Amino acid sequence: MIKVGCCGFPCGFSKYIKEFEVVEVQRTFYDLPRKNTVEKWRESAPEDFEFTLKCWQVITHPCSSPTWRKIKRELANKENYGFFKPTKENFEAWENFADIAKMLKTKIVVFQCHPKFEASKENIENMKNFFNSIERKSMIFAFEPRNKSWTDKIVREICQELELTHCVDIFARDPAYIKNVAYIRLHGKPPGSAMYKYKYKEKDLEWLKDKINDVGKNVKDVYVMFNNIYMRDDALAFKYLLSQQP
């Protein structure tokens, strides 16, 4: 099954849930929402509507990241957060995040890494300690490294060992390893610094359809999540294109 959605809500919640069956929640990356807000999301959406979640940044990003400015709560020992450090602070952050995931009946969590998170021995060991220590229950973890040091070989090895699925923008890179489901995040057709401002052309979506059909041959589901300025229009256009295929 191919599931198409957006990274965040490009329109009102009530309108979005009528047009799509899945959304990747971005709010959980910047800071954890209140539980009554999460309950309202789940109760307001159809039973089969799916919330995938972007993991809370305190686990993946160090406190030096400018995105930390959006955290409203007070956090002590900030230096102990980020980069999957197997610390008390990171594990507590995961437990709080996992509570939100449980409330939303989340199946997939996206771990988008900081651009400076390199494939160093220390970082890889931290990942192993972190992921081997937390409970994932029935959730699938999508790992999105963004530093060039993460070669396909390194990604494949770590994903196989930790049972992660490699999250990519498939216009830029093929997944090095897929665990059960493929998770594609589309940031605008590269190359160039204006990627997010890119609006996909019909030929791009045709290429994407063929690519996704090929990737999906040996997996249960493929998630195609748009994350550009025109994500709603592009996602709807891609959904329509898929509906026309035999």
Protein backbone atom coordinates (compact mmCIF):
# COMPACT_ATOMS: atom_id res chain seq x y z
CA MET A 1 0.00 0.00 0.00
CA ILE A 2 1.21 3.49 -0.86
CA LYS A 3 0.28 6.12 1.74
CA VAL A 4 0.58 9.78 0.76
CA GLY A 5 0.58 12.72 3.14
CA CYS A 6 2.37 15.87 4.28
CA CYS A 7 4.95 16.74 6.89
CA GLY A 8 2.81 19.03 8.99
CA PHE A 9 -0.60 20.49 8.26
CA PRO A 10 -0.56 22.71 5.15
CA CYS A 11 -4.22 23.57 5.77
CA GLY A 12 -6.71 23.33 8.60
CA PHE A 13 -6.92 20.07 10.53
CA SER A 14 -10.54 19.35 9.61
CA LYS A 15 -9.86 19.92 5.92
CA TYR A 16 -6.66 17.90 5.93
CA ILE A 17 -8.16 14.75 7.43
CA LYS A 18 -10.76 14.72 4.64
CA GLU A 19 -8.08 14.82 1.95
CA PHE A 20 -5.41 12.50 3.38
CA GLU A 21 -5.10 9.36 5.49
CA VAL A 22 -1.77 10.17 7.15
CA VAL A 23 0.19 13.14 8.48
CA GLU A 24 3.69 13.45 9.89
CA VAL A 25 3.34 15.60 13.00
CA GLN A 26 6.08 18.23 13.17
CA ARG A 27 5.03 19.79 16.45
CA THR A 28 6.43 16.86 18.41
CA PHE A 29 9.88 17.70 17.07
CA TYR A 30 9.98 21.23 18.46
CA ASP A 31 8.34 20.48 21.81
CA LEU A 32 5.85 18.00 23.15
CA PRO A 33 2.22 19.14 22.91
CA ARG A 34 -0.11 18.97 25.87
CA LYS A 35 -1.87 15.66 26.34
CA ASN A 36 -5.32 17.21 26.07
CA THR A 37 -4.30 18.60 22.67
CA VAL A 38 -3.15 15.15 21.57
CA GLU A 39 -6.38 13.59 22.78
CA LYS A 40 -8.35 16.10 20.74
CA TRP A 41 -6.34 15.25 17.60
CA ARG A 42 -6.99 11.54 17.98
CA GLU A 43 -10.67 11.93 18.83
CA SER A 44 -11.27 14.37 15.97
CA ALA A 45 -9.67 12.21 13.29
CA PRO A 46 -11.17 9.10 11.68
CA GLU A 47 -10.23 5.83 13.34
CA ASP A 48 -8.07 4.79 10.38
CA PHE A 49 -6.30 8.15 10.09
CA GLU A 50 -2.62 7.77 10.88
CA PHE A 51 -0.29 10.07 12.79
CA THR A 52 3.41 9.45 12.19
CA LEU A 53 5.63 11.47 14.49
CA LYS A 54 8.88 13.34 14.11
CA CYS A 55 10.89 12.54 17.23
CA TRP A 56 11.44 15.23 19.84
CA GLN A 57 14.57 17.19 18.97
CA VAL A 58 16.10 16.93 22.43
CA ILE A 59 16.92 13.29 21.60
CA THR A 60 18.43 13.92 18.16
CA HIS A 61 19.70 17.52 18.30
CA PRO A 62 22.16 19.10 20.76
CA CYS A 63 21.17 22.17 22.75
CA SER A 64 23.32 24.30 20.43
CA SER A 65 20.79 23.75 17.66
CA PRO A 66 18.80 26.96 16.90
CA THR A 67 15.59 24.91 16.89
CA TRP A 68 15.94 24.52 20.65
CA ARG A 69 14.64 28.10 20.94
CA LYS A 70 11.15 26.73 20.38
CA ILE A 71 11.28 24.59 23.51
CA LYS A 72 9.10 26.29 26.11
CA ARG A 73 9.77 24.03 29.08
CA GLU A 74 12.77 24.33 31.37
CA LEU A 75 15.34 21.57 30.89
CA ALA A 76 18.26 20.99 33.24
CA ASN A 77 21.58 19.50 32.19
CA LYS A 78 21.06 20.48 28.58
CA GLU A 79 24.46 19.17 27.60
CA ASN A 80 23.20 15.63 28.28
CA TYR A 81 20.59 15.79 25.51
CA GLY A 82 20.86 15.10 21.80
CA PHE A 83 22.85 12.83 19.48
CA PHE A 84 21.16 9.73 20.99
CA LYS A 85 23.35 9.94 24.08
CA PRO A 86 22.38 7.07 26.42
CA THR A 87 21.74 9.47 29.30
CA LYS A 88 19.04 9.69 31.93
CA GLU A 89 17.81 12.89 30.27
CA ASN A 90 17.46 11.35 26.81
CA PHE A 91 15.73 8.25 28.13
CA GLU A 92 13.25 10.36 30.11
CA ALA A 93 12.63 12.44 26.99
CA TRP A 94 11.88 9.26 25.08
CA GLU A 95 9.42 8.06 27.71
CA ASN A 96 7.54 11.36 27.55
CA PHE A 97 7.56 11.27 23.76
CA ALA A 98 6.43 7.62 23.72
CA ASP A 99 3.40 8.57 25.84
CA ILE A 100 2.32 10.95 23.06
CA ALA A 101 2.93 8.27 20.43
CA LYS A 102 0.78 5.81 22.37
CA MET A 103 -2.09 8.29 22.65
CA LEU A 104 -2.03 8.86 18.89
CA LYS A 105 -1.66 5.13 18.13
CA THR A 106 1.48 5.96 16.18
CA LYS A 107 3.04 3.25 14.03
CA ILE A 108 6.09 5.15 12.74
CA VAL A 109 8.53 7.51 14.42
CA VAL A 110 10.97 9.54 12.29
CA PHE A 111 14.39 10.26 13.79
CA GLN A 112 15.66 13.14 11.69
CA CYS A 113 19.27 13.76 12.67
CA HIS A 114 21.11 17.05 13.02
CA PRO A 115 23.25 17.88 9.94
CA LYS A 116 26.37 17.71 12.13
CA PHE A 117 25.54 14.24 13.45
CA GLU A 118 28.41 12.34 11.85
CA ALA A 119 28.92 8.61 11.44
CA SER A 120 31.62 8.66 14.11
CA LYS A 121 32.42 5.73 16.36
CA GLU A 122 31.04 7.60 19.37
CA ASN A 123 27.76 8.50 17.66
CA ILE A 124 27.24 4.98 16.35
CA GLU A 125 27.87 3.52 19.81
CA ASN A 126 25.44 6.03 21.30
CA MET A 127 22.81 4.96 18.78
CA LYS A 128 23.31 1.31 19.64
CA ASN A 129 23.03 1.96 23.37
CA PHE A 130 20.01 4.20 22.96
CA PHE A 131 17.96 2.02 20.61
CA ASN A 132 18.82 -1.18 22.46
CA SER A 133 17.60 0.37 25.71
CA ILE A 134 14.23 1.86 24.75
CA GLU A 135 10.93 0.09 24.22
CA ARG A 136 9.61 0.40 20.70
CA LYS A 137 6.61 -1.90 21.21
CA SER A 138 5.07 -2.26 17.74
CA MET A 139 6.46 0.98 16.34
CA ILE A 140 8.73 1.20 13.32
CA PHE A 141 11.67 3.59 13.55
CA ALA A 142 12.71 5.59 10.48
CA PHE A 143 16.28 6.87 10.59
CA GLU A 144 17.09 10.00 8.53
CA PRO A 145 20.80 10.89 8.69
CA ARG A 146 21.73 14.15 6.97
CA ASN A 147 25.51 14.21 7.21
CA LYS A 148 27.50 13.03 4.18
CA SER A 149 29.58 10.72 6.33
CA TRP A 150 26.63 8.30 6.49
CA THR A 151 27.47 6.16 3.49
CA ASP A 152 25.10 3.48 2.26
CA LYS A 153 27.34 0.82 3.76
CA ILE A 154 27.33 2.39 7.22
CA VAL A 155 23.61 3.11 7.10
CA ARG A 156 22.83 -0.43 5.99
CA GLU A 157 24.89 -1.95 8.80
CA ILE A 158 23.40 0.20 11.57
CA CYS A 159 19.84 -0.18 10.26
CA GLN A 160 20.15 -3.95 10.02
CA GLU A 161 21.57 -4.22 13.52
CA LEU A 162 19.06 -1.88 15.15
CA GLU A 163 16.06 -2.78 12.95
CA LEU A 164 15.61 0.71 11.55
CA THR A 165 14.31 1.71 8.14
CA HIS A 166 16.40 4.21 6.17
CA CYS A 167 14.37 7.38 5.59
CA VAL A 168 15.34 9.32 2.45
CA ASP A 169 14.32 11.88 -0.12
CA ILE A 170 14.23 9.44 -3.00
CA PHE A 171 14.98 12.14 -5.56
CA ALA A 172 18.37 12.46 -3.88
CA ARG A 173 19.13 8.95 -2.63
CA ASP A 174 17.79 5.39 -2.61
CA PRO A 175 17.14 3.76 0.76
CA ALA A 176 20.16 1.74 1.87
CA TYR A 177 17.98 -0.53 4.00
CA ILE A 178 14.23 -0.96 4.42
CA LYS A 179 12.71 -2.63 7.47
CA ASN A 180 9.09 -3.64 6.81
CA VAL A 181 8.03 -0.27 5.39
CA ALA A 182 9.68 2.36 3.21
CA TYR A 183 9.46 5.94 4.45
CA ILE A 184 10.10 8.70 1.92
CA ARG A 185 10.29 12.40 2.84
CA LEU A 186 10.28 14.75 -0.15
CA HIS A 187 11.88 18.15 0.43
CA GLY A 188 11.67 19.48 -3.12
CA LYS A 189 13.59 18.19 -6.10
CA PRO A 190 17.36 18.65 -5.55
CA PRO A 191 19.92 19.99 -6.16
CA GLY A 192 19.96 23.58 -5.02
CA SER A 193 19.34 25.70 -1.95
CA ALA A 194 15.77 26.51 -3.03
CA MET A 195 14.62 22.91 -2.80
CA TYR A 196 11.70 23.60 -0.48
CA LYS A 197 10.32 26.20 -2.89
CA TYR A 198 10.22 23.66 -5.71
CA LYS A 199 6.85 22.63 -7.11
CA TYR A 200 6.89 19.15 -8.58
CA LYS A 201 6.15 18.90 -12.28
CA GLU A 202 4.05 16.18 -13.85
CA LYS A 203 7.16 14.42 -15.14
CA ASP A 204 8.62 14.45 -11.61
CA LEU A 205 5.52 12.79 -10.19
CA GLU A 206 5.50 10.23 -13.01
CA TRP A 207 9.12 9.38 -12.17
CA LEU A 208 8.21 9.21 -8.49
CA LYS A 209 5.31 6.86 -9.18
CA ASP A 210 7.54 4.42 -11.07
CA LYS A 211 10.24 4.67 -8.42
CA ILE A 212 7.80 4.08 -5.57
CA ASN A 213 6.21 1.12 -7.32
CA ASP A 214 9.67 -0.38 -7.72
CA VAL A 215 10.65 0.27 -4.09
CA GLY A 216 7.36 -1.15 -2.87
CA LYS A 217 7.71 -4.55 -4.52
CA ASN A 218 9.18 -6.21 -1.46
CA VAL A 219 7.73 -4.18 1.43
CA LYS A 220 4.38 -3.99 3.15
CA ASP A 221 3.80 -0.23 2.87
CA VAL A 222 5.44 2.82 1.35
CA TYR A 223 4.91 6.22 2.95
CA VAL A 224 5.37 9.19 0.63
CA MET A 225 5.43 12.38 2.69
CA PHE A 226 5.78 15.78 1.02
CA ASN A 227 7.70 18.48 2.87
CA ASN A 228 7.94 21.46 0.49
CA ILE A 229 6.06 24.75 0.26
CA TYR A 230 3.55 23.29 -2.20
CA MET A 231 3.21 20.02 -0.31
CA ARG A 232 -0.59 19.93 -0.22
CA ASP A 233 -0.98 20.52 -3.95
CA ASP A 234 1.85 18.14 -4.81
CA ALA A 235 0.58 15.41 -2.49
CA LEU A 236 -2.95 15.66 -3.89
CA ALA A 237 -1.59 15.56 -7.44
CA PHE A 238 0.44 12.46 -6.60
CA LYS A 239 -2.56 10.78 -4.96
CA TYR A 240 -4.58 11.43 -8.11
CA LEU A 241 -1.79 10.05 -10.30
CA LEU A 242 -1.67 6.86 -8.23
CA SER A 243 -5.45 6.47 -8.49
CA GLN A 244 -5.16 6.38 -12.30
CA GLN A 245 -2.72 3.49 -12.44
CA PRO A 246 -4.18 0.04 -13.20
